[in-house]
C-alpha atoms as a PDB file:
ATOM      1  CA  MET A   1       4.070  35.153  31.356  1.00  0.00           C
ATOM      2  CA  SER A   2       5.310  36.162  27.910  1.00  0.00           C
ATOM      3  CA  ILE A   3       3.238  35.525  24.816  1.00  0.00           C
ATOM      4  CA  ARG A   4       4.928  33.921  21.827  1.00  0.00           C
ATOM      5  CA  VAL A   5       3.633  35.024  18.431  1.00  0.00           C
ATOM      6  CA  LEU A   6       3.987  32.005  16.201  1.00  0.00           C
ATOM      7  CA  ASN A   7       3.315  33.544  12.810  1.00  0.00           C
ATOM      8  CA  GLN A   8       6.255  35.967  12.929  1.00  0.00           C
ATOM      9  CA  PRO A   9       9.704  35.128  11.550  1.00  0.00           C
ATOM     10  CA  ALA A  10      12.383  34.232  14.039  1.00  0.00           C
ATOM     11  CA  ALA A  11      15.205  36.675  14.647  1.00  0.00           C
ATOM     12  CA  ASP A  12      17.645  34.754  12.453  1.00  0.00           C
ATOM     13  CA  VAL A  13      15.215  34.409   9.513  1.00  0.00           C
ATOM     14  CA  ASP A  14      15.364  36.729   6.502  1.00  0.00           C
ATOM     15  CA  HIS A  15      12.381  39.053   6.910  1.00  0.00           C
ATOM     16  CA  LYS A  16      11.805  38.845   3.151  1.00  0.00           C
ATOM     17  CA  ALA A  17      10.407  35.383   3.822  1.00  0.00           C
ATOM     18  CA  ALA A  18       7.736  36.589   6.251  1.00  0.00           C
ATOM     19  CA  VAL A  19       4.237  35.112   6.134  1.00  0.00           C
ATOM     20  CA  GLY A  20       2.251  36.430   3.189  1.00  0.00           C
ATOM     21  CA  GLN A  21       5.286  37.358   1.127  1.00  0.00           C
ATOM     22  CA  SER A  22       6.983  35.390  -1.618  1.00  0.00           C
ATOM     23  CA  VAL A  23      10.656  35.209  -2.503  1.00  0.00           C
ATOM     24  CA  GLU A  24      12.561  33.794  -5.430  1.00  0.00           C
ATOM     25  CA  PRO A  25      14.567  30.645  -4.652  1.00  0.00           C
ATOM     26  CA  ASP A  26      18.287  31.350  -4.432  1.00  0.00           C
ATOM     27  CA  GLY A  27      19.453  27.747  -4.069  1.00  0.00           C
ATOM     28  CA  PRO A  28      19.316  24.582  -6.171  1.00  0.00           C
ATOM     29  CA  VAL A  29      15.870  23.353  -7.228  1.00  0.00           C
ATOM     30  CA  HIS A  30      15.182  19.701  -6.466  1.00  0.00           C
ATOM     31  CA  ASP A  31      12.723  18.305  -9.006  1.00  0.00           C
ATOM     32  CA  ARG A  32      11.341  15.060  -7.567  1.00  0.00           C
ATOM     33  CA  ARG A  33       8.778  14.395 -10.283  1.00  0.00           C
ATOM     34  CA  ILE A  34       9.034  11.030 -12.029  1.00  0.00           C
ATOM     35  CA  THR A  35       9.665  11.258 -15.778  1.00  0.00           C
ATOM     36  CA  ARG A  36       9.683   8.757 -18.617  1.00  0.00           C
ATOM     37  CA  GLU A  37      13.486   8.815 -18.567  1.00  0.00           C
ATOM     38  CA  ASP A  38      13.287   7.267 -15.070  1.00  0.00           C
ATOM     39  CA  VAL A  39      11.231   4.269 -16.247  1.00  0.00           C
ATOM     40  CA  PRO A  40      12.247   1.293 -18.429  1.00  0.00           C
ATOM     41  CA  ASP A  41      10.533   1.433 -21.818  1.00  0.00           C
ATOM     42  CA  GLU A  42       8.492  -1.721 -21.204  1.00  0.00           C
ATOM     43  CA  TRP A  43       6.917  -0.166 -18.086  1.00  0.00           C
ATOM     44  CA  GLU A  44       6.103   3.285 -19.476  1.00  0.00           C
ATOM     45  CA  HIS A  45       2.508   2.388 -20.314  1.00  0.00           C
ATOM     46  CA  ALA A  46       1.862   0.706 -16.985  1.00  0.00           C
ATOM     47  CA  VAL A  47       3.256   3.599 -14.936  1.00  0.00           C
ATOM     48  CA  PHE A  48       1.984   6.638 -16.835  1.00  0.00           C
ATOM     49  CA  GLU A  49      -0.963   5.695 -19.024  1.00  0.00           C
ATOM     50  CA  ALA A  50      -2.763   2.579 -17.808  1.00  0.00           C
ATOM     51  CA  GLU A  51      -6.129   3.565 -16.386  1.00  0.00           C
ATOM     52  CA  ASN A  52      -6.025   0.694 -13.904  1.00  0.00           C
ATOM     53  CA  PHE A  53      -3.122  -1.038 -12.170  1.00  0.00           C
ATOM     54  CA  ILE A  54      -4.237  -4.056 -10.169  1.00  0.00           C
ATOM     55  CA  ILE A  55      -2.362  -5.827  -7.380  1.00  0.00           C
ATOM     56  CA  GLU A  56      -3.596  -8.832  -5.402  1.00  0.00           C
ATOM     57  CA  GLY A  57      -2.443 -11.056  -2.600  1.00  0.00           C
ATOM     58  CA  PRO A  58      -2.727 -11.813   1.126  1.00  0.00           C
ATOM     59  CA  ALA A  59      -2.823  -8.536   3.091  1.00  0.00           C
ATOM     60  CA  SER A  60      -2.921 -10.245   6.464  1.00  0.00           C
ATOM     61  CA  VAL A  61      -2.574 -13.807   7.680  1.00  0.00           C
ATOM     62  CA  GLU A  62      -3.607 -14.908  11.163  1.00  0.00           C
ATOM     63  CA  ILE A  63      -0.093 -15.366  12.511  1.00  0.00           C
ATOM     64  CA  VAL A  64       1.901 -13.446  15.104  1.00  0.00           C
ATOM     65  CA  ASP A  65       3.611 -10.602  13.237  1.00  0.00           C
ATOM     66  CA  ARG A  66       6.998  -8.995  13.876  1.00  0.00           C
ATOM     67  CA  SER A  67       5.486  -6.573  16.410  1.00  0.00           C
ATOM     68  CA  GLY A  68       4.003  -9.386  18.524  1.00  0.00           C
ATOM     69  CA  GLN A  69       0.427  -8.802  17.347  1.00  0.00           C
ATOM     70  CA  GLN A  70      -2.059 -11.257  15.912  1.00  0.00           C
ATOM     71  CA  ILE A  71      -5.195  -9.925  14.234  1.00  0.00           C
ATOM     72  CA  GLN A  72      -8.013 -12.401  14.164  1.00  0.00           C
ATOM     73  CA  MET A  73      -9.571 -12.713  10.725  1.00  0.00           C
ATOM     74  CA  GLU A  74     -13.067 -12.446  12.164  1.00  0.00           C
ATOM     75  CA  ALA A  75     -12.179  -8.916  13.309  1.00  0.00           C
ATOM     76  CA  VAL A  76     -10.927  -8.048   9.818  1.00  0.00           C
ATOM     77  CA  ALA A  77     -14.057  -9.484   8.208  1.00  0.00           C
ATOM     78  CA  ASP A  78     -16.270  -7.342  10.467  1.00  0.00           C
ATOM     79  CA  SER A  79     -14.385  -4.169   9.443  1.00  0.00           C
ATOM     80  CA  LEU A  80     -14.166  -4.913   5.722  1.00  0.00           C
ATOM     81  CA  ASP A  81     -17.398  -3.297   4.514  1.00  0.00           C
ATOM     82  CA  ARG A  82     -16.503   0.086   5.983  1.00  0.00           C
ATOM     83  CA  TYR A  83     -12.971  -0.116   4.612  1.00  0.00           C
ATOM     84  CA  LEU A  84     -14.192  -0.651   1.058  1.00  0.00           C
ATOM     85  CA  GLU A  85     -17.514   1.184   1.008  1.00  0.00           C
ATOM     86  CA  SER A  86     -17.483   4.167   3.367  1.00  0.00           C
ATOM     87  CA  THR A  87     -17.929   7.572   1.704  1.00  0.00           C
ATOM     88  CA  ARG A  88     -17.051   9.578   4.832  1.00  0.00           C
ATOM     89  CA  GLU A  89     -14.172   7.484   6.200  1.00  0.00           C
ATOM     90  CA  PRO A  90     -12.915   5.387   3.282  1.00  0.00           C
ATOM     91  CA  GLY A  91      -9.993   3.050   3.644  1.00  0.00           C
ATOM     92  CA  ILE A  92      -6.935   3.762   1.518  1.00  0.00           C
ATOM     93  CA  ILE A  93      -3.944   2.115  -0.093  1.00  0.00           C
ATOM     94  CA  SER A  94      -0.765   3.903   0.981  1.00  0.00           C
ATOM     95  CA  THR A  95       3.006   3.366   0.951  1.00  0.00           C
ATOM     96  CA  ARG A  96       5.317   2.835   3.904  1.00  0.00           C
ATOM     97  CA  HIS A  97       2.638   3.757   6.462  1.00  0.00           C
ATOM     98  CA  ASP A  98       2.634   7.442   5.530  1.00  0.00           C
ATOM     99  CA  ASP A  99      -1.157   7.395   5.026  1.00  0.00           C
ATOM    100  CA  VAL A 100      -1.048   9.344   1.757  1.00  0.00           C
ATOM    101  CA  PRO A 101      -3.419   7.607  -0.693  1.00  0.00           C
ATOM    102  CA  VAL A 102      -1.903   6.047  -3.815  1.00  0.00           C
ATOM    103  CA  GLY A 103      -4.842   3.800  -4.648  1.00  0.00           C
ATOM    104  CA  VAL A 104      -8.105   2.260  -3.532  1.00  0.00           C
ATOM    105  CA  PRO A 105      -9.209  -1.198  -2.402  1.00  0.00           C
ATOM    106  CA  VAL A 106     -11.689  -2.953  -4.695  1.00  0.00           C
ATOM    107  CA  TRP A 107     -13.995  -5.896  -4.091  1.00  0.00           C
ATOM    108  CA  GLU A 108     -13.141  -7.730  -7.323  1.00  0.00           C
ATOM    109  CA  TRP A 109     -11.385  -7.543 -10.668  1.00  0.00           C
ATOM    110  CA  THR A 110     -11.532  -9.628 -13.843  1.00  0.00           C
ATOM    111  CA  THR A 111      -8.734  -9.395 -16.400  1.00  0.00           C
ATOM    112  CA  ASP A 112      -9.267  -9.313 -20.141  1.00  0.00           C
ATOM    113  CA  GLU A 113      -8.112 -12.937 -20.115  1.00  0.00           C
ATOM    114  CA  GLY A 114     -10.971 -13.860 -17.775  1.00  0.00           C
ATOM    115  CA  VAL A 115      -8.943 -14.340 -14.588  1.00  0.00           C
ATOM    116  CA  HIS A 116     -11.052 -13.280 -11.604  1.00  0.00           C
ATOM    117  CA  TYR A 117      -9.697 -11.863  -8.329  1.00  0.00           C
ATOM    118  CA  GLU A 118     -11.711 -11.066  -5.192  1.00  0.00           C
ATOM    119  CA  THR A 119     -11.166  -9.329  -1.866  1.00  0.00           C
ATOM    120  CA  THR A 120     -12.055 -11.974   0.700  1.00  0.00           C
ATOM    121  CA  VAL A 121     -11.515 -13.084   4.259  1.00  0.00           C
ATOM    122  CA  GLU A 122     -11.422 -16.860   4.359  1.00  0.00           C
ATOM    123  CA  ASP A 123     -10.150 -19.156   7.107  1.00  0.00           C
ATOM    124  CA  GLU A 124      -6.915 -17.503   8.301  1.00  0.00           C
ATOM    125  CA  GLU A 125      -6.219 -15.137   5.379  1.00  0.00           C
ATOM    126  CA  PHE A 126      -7.347 -11.692   4.246  1.00  0.00           C
ATOM    127  CA  THR A 127      -6.795 -11.399   0.474  1.00  0.00           C
ATOM    128  CA  LEU A 128      -6.951  -7.898  -0.974  1.00  0.00           C
ATOM    129  CA  VAL A 129      -7.402  -6.575  -4.515  1.00  0.00           C
ATOM    130  CA  ALA A 130      -6.285  -2.952  -4.975  1.00  0.00           C
ATOM    131  CA  ASN A 131      -6.153  -0.473  -7.851  1.00  0.00           C
ATOM    132  CA  LEU A 132      -3.209   1.974  -7.847  1.00  0.00           C
ATOM    133  CA  GLY A 133      -3.613   5.408  -9.409  1.00  0.00           C
ATOM    134  CA  ASN A 134      -1.347   7.458 -11.654  1.00  0.00           C
ATOM    135  CA  GLU A 135      -2.399  11.043 -10.935  1.00  0.00           C
ATOM    136  CA  THR A 136       0.358  11.937  -8.447  1.00  0.00           C
ATOM    137  CA  THR A 137       4.095  11.378  -8.277  1.00  0.00           C
ATOM    138  CA  LYS A 138       3.657   9.075  -5.263  1.00  0.00           C
ATOM    139  CA  SER A 139       1.142   6.871  -7.060  1.00  0.00           C
ATOM    140  CA  LYS A 140       3.340   6.664 -10.178  1.00  0.00           C
ATOM    141  CA  MET A 141       6.298   5.757  -7.959  1.00  0.00           C
ATOM    142  CA  ALA A 142       4.168   3.099  -6.245  1.00  0.00           C
ATOM    143  CA  ARG A 143       3.393   1.510  -9.620  1.00  0.00           C
ATOM    144  CA  LEU A 144       7.055   1.557 -10.600  1.00  0.00           C
ATOM    145  CA  ARG A 145       8.189   0.088  -7.279  1.00  0.00           C
ATOM    146  CA  CYS A 146       5.629  -2.696  -7.553  1.00  0.00           C
ATOM    147  CA  LEU A 147       6.988  -3.547 -10.993  1.00  0.00           C
ATOM    148  CA  ASN A 148      10.676  -3.497 -10.051  1.00  0.00           C
ATOM    149  CA  GLY A 149      10.209  -5.418  -6.804  1.00  0.00           C
ATOM    150  CA  ASP A 150      10.850  -2.610  -4.311  1.00  0.00           C
ATOM    151  CA  TYR A 151       7.272  -3.106  -3.085  1.00  0.00           C
ATOM    152  CA  GLY A 152       6.005  -6.649  -2.722  1.00  0.00           C
ATOM    153  CA  GLY A 153       4.378  -6.810   0.698  1.00  0.00           C
ATOM    154  CA  TYR A 154       1.159  -5.553   2.254  1.00  0.00           C
ATOM    155  CA  SER A 155       0.852  -4.248   5.809  1.00  0.00           C
ATOM    156  CA  VAL A 156      -2.466  -3.397   7.454  1.00  0.00           C
ATOM    157  CA  THR A 157      -3.101  -0.343   9.619  1.00  0.00           C
ATOM    158  CA  VAL A 158      -5.781  -1.121  12.167  1.00  0.00           C
ATOM    159  CA  TYR A 159      -7.043   0.454  15.358  1.00  0.00           C
ATOM    160  CA  SER A 160      -7.391  -2.339  17.864  1.00  0.00           C
ATOM    161  CA  ASN A 161     -10.728  -1.723  19.569  1.00  0.00           C
ATOM    162  CA  GLN A 162     -10.463  -4.810  21.735  1.00  0.00           C
ATOM    163  CA  GLU A 163      -7.577  -7.168  22.376  1.00  0.00           C
ATOM    164  CA  HIS A 164      -6.325  -9.662  24.903  1.00  0.00           C
ATOM    165  CA  ARG A 165      -2.828 -10.771  25.804  1.00  0.00           C
ATOM    166  CA  ARG A 166      -1.573 -14.306  25.869  1.00  0.00           C
ATOM    167  CA  ASN A 167       0.823 -15.531  28.509  1.00  0.00           C
ATOM    168  CA  ASP A 168       3.667 -15.239  25.990  1.00  0.00           C
ATOM    169  CA  GLY A 169       2.945 -11.507  25.542  1.00  0.00           C
ATOM    170  CA  THR A 170       1.213 -11.790  22.156  1.00  0.00           C
ATOM    171  CA  ARG A 171      -1.472  -9.149  21.637  1.00  0.00           C
ATOM    172  CA  VAL A 172      -4.536 -10.703  19.996  1.00  0.00           C
ATOM    173  CA  THR A 173      -6.897  -8.233  18.316  1.00  0.00           C
ATOM    174  CA  VAL A 174     -10.484  -9.473  18.410  1.00  0.00           C
ATOM    175  CA  ASP A 175     -12.213  -6.265  17.248  1.00  0.00           C
ATOM    176  CA  CYS A 176     -10.707  -3.568  15.032  1.00  0.00           C
ATOM    177  CA  ASP A 177     -11.195  -0.755  12.555  1.00  0.00           C
ATOM    178  CA  LEU A 178      -9.267  -1.217   9.303  1.00  0.00           C
ATOM    179  CA  HIS A 179      -7.982   2.154   8.084  1.00  0.00           C
ATOM    180  CA  ALA A 180      -5.284   1.512   5.491  1.00  0.00           C
ATOM    181  CA  VAL A 181      -3.307  -1.184   3.757  1.00  0.00           C
ATOM    182  CA  THR A 182       0.163   0.040   2.977  1.00  0.00           C
ATOM    183  CA  LEU A 183       2.760  -1.183   0.489  1.00  0.00           C
ATOM    184  CA  GLY A 184       6.399  -1.851   1.245  1.00  0.00           C
ATOM    185  CA  HIS A 185       9.241  -4.255   0.622  1.00  0.00           C
ATOM    186  CA  GLU A 186       8.175  -7.786   1.463  1.00  0.00           C
ATOM    187  CA  SER A 187      11.123  -8.197   3.860  1.00  0.00           C
ATOM    188  CA  GLN A 188      10.059  -5.197   5.959  1.00  0.00           C
ATOM    189  CA  VAL A 189       6.284  -5.546   6.398  1.00  0.00           C
ATOM    190  CA  MET A 190       5.077  -6.623   9.829  1.00  0.00           C
ATOM    191  CA  ASN A 191       3.339  -9.786   8.631  1.00  0.00           C
ATOM    192  CA  PRO A 192       5.930 -11.854   6.718  1.00  0.00           C
ATOM    193  CA  ALA A 193       3.210 -13.914   5.007  1.00  0.00           C
ATOM    194  CA  ALA A 194       1.525 -10.816   3.520  1.00  0.00           C
ATOM    195  CA  ASP A 195       2.665 -10.344  -0.059  1.00  0.00           C
ATOM    196  CA  PHE A 196       1.117  -9.296  -3.348  1.00  0.00           C
ATOM    197  CA  ASP A 197       1.705  -9.475  -7.074  1.00  0.00           C
ATOM    198  CA  VAL A 198       0.883  -7.186  -9.953  1.00  0.00           C
ATOM    199  CA  VAL A 199      -1.846  -9.100 -11.774  1.00  0.00           C
ATOM    200  CA  ASP A 200      -3.112  -6.665 -14.398  1.00  0.00           C
ATOM    201  CA  PHE A 201      -2.654  -3.245 -15.874  1.00  0.00           C
ATOM    202  CA  LYS A 202      -5.018  -1.796 -18.432  1.00  0.00           C
ATOM    203  CA  HIS A 203      -5.673  -1.230 -21.207  1.00  0.00           C
ATOM    204  CA  GLY A 204      -5.220  -4.575 -22.898  1.00  0.00           C
ATOM    205  CA  GLY A 205      -4.596  -6.728 -19.837  1.00  0.00           C
ATOM    206  CA  VAL A 206      -0.858  -6.764 -20.609  1.00  0.00           C
ATOM    207  CA  LEU A 207       1.364  -8.596 -18.135  1.00  0.00           C
ATOM    208  CA  GLU A 208       5.100  -8.125 -18.280  1.00  0.00           C
ATOM    209  CA  ALA A 209       6.905 -11.464 -18.751  1.00  0.00           C
ATOM    210  CA  GLN A 210       8.759 -11.255 -15.448  1.00  0.00           C
ATOM    211  CA  ILE A 211       5.493 -10.810 -13.541  1.00  0.00           C
ATOM    212  CA  ARG A 212       3.938 -13.784 -15.336  1.00  0.00           C
ATOM    213  CA  ARG A 213       6.847 -15.954 -14.225  1.00  0.00           C
ATOM    214  CA  ARG A 214       6.478 -14.829 -10.620  1.00  0.00           C
ATOM    215  CA  LEU A 215       2.761 -15.538 -10.619  1.00  0.00           C
ATOM    216  CA  ARG A 216       3.290 -19.010 -12.081  1.00  0.00           C
ATOM    217  CA  ARG A 217       5.927 -19.771  -9.468  1.00  0.00           C
ATOM    218  CA  ARG A 218       3.738 -18.546  -6.633  1.00  0.00           C
ATOM    219  CA  ARG A 219       0.996 -20.952  -7.746  1.00  0.00           C
ATOM    220  CA  SER A 220       3.409 -23.848  -8.267  1.00  0.00           C
ATOM    221  CA  LEU A 221       4.307 -26.496  -5.689  1.00  0.00           C
ATOM    222  CA  ALA A 222       7.760 -24.938  -5.287  1.00  0.00           C
ATOM    223  CA  GLY A 223       6.217 -21.537  -4.711  1.00  0.00           C
ATOM    224  CA  ARG A 224       3.860 -22.875  -2.052  1.00  0.00           C
ATOM    225  CA  VAL A 225       6.750 -24.584  -0.288  1.00  0.00           C
ATOM    226  CA  GLU A 226       8.746 -21.307  -0.333  1.00  0.00           C
ATOM    227  CA  GLU A 227       5.864 -19.450   1.290  1.00  0.00           C
ATOM    228  CA  HIS A 228       5.910 -21.821   4.258  1.00  0.00           C
ATOM    229  CA  LEU A 229       9.677 -21.733   4.853  1.00  0.00           C
END
């Protein structure tokens, strides 16, 4: 049996690019960093400078999602402490299920205006408060996409430790580990009732006017009716 040496360049690869050597790029350079020119002026502070960027909303609702799974809220409640408090296996906030951290979950947040938000599991809903960072390109992009509406839905990543199946094929998770809550467009997340809003970005507790309008509508009678359609 032949032995394949994996750390050697293939026959059709320029030997100048062998392991341990460096070469100058001879093609176009793709710079994927986000710059201030990419961001509307009114969002510059929120994306680049704000120490905290807070989002809040239902991360999971006890309904059958688009994959045919239902996660019981009791299972989420039992896994919540580890998700928020573990130092060895902390839960993360990611984007599009790629499991690269762009933020952290937090138990609670109070705005400069005195509005209080909490991470809770009550009745049939898991509500999550999260703080997005600004130290990497992905976290800056996450902030921008939350502001422009590209991201508006939560999706939970759980390992189903125990589940049962209903006669209709629904998988019901009764015990789980919660590993990540990811951000994506509200039309694409698995649980259509899981959405969030930007509720604060520091310093100063400034809320962009468009976000204020969305929050007011969500809390209005019309907004509640829309959520149930």
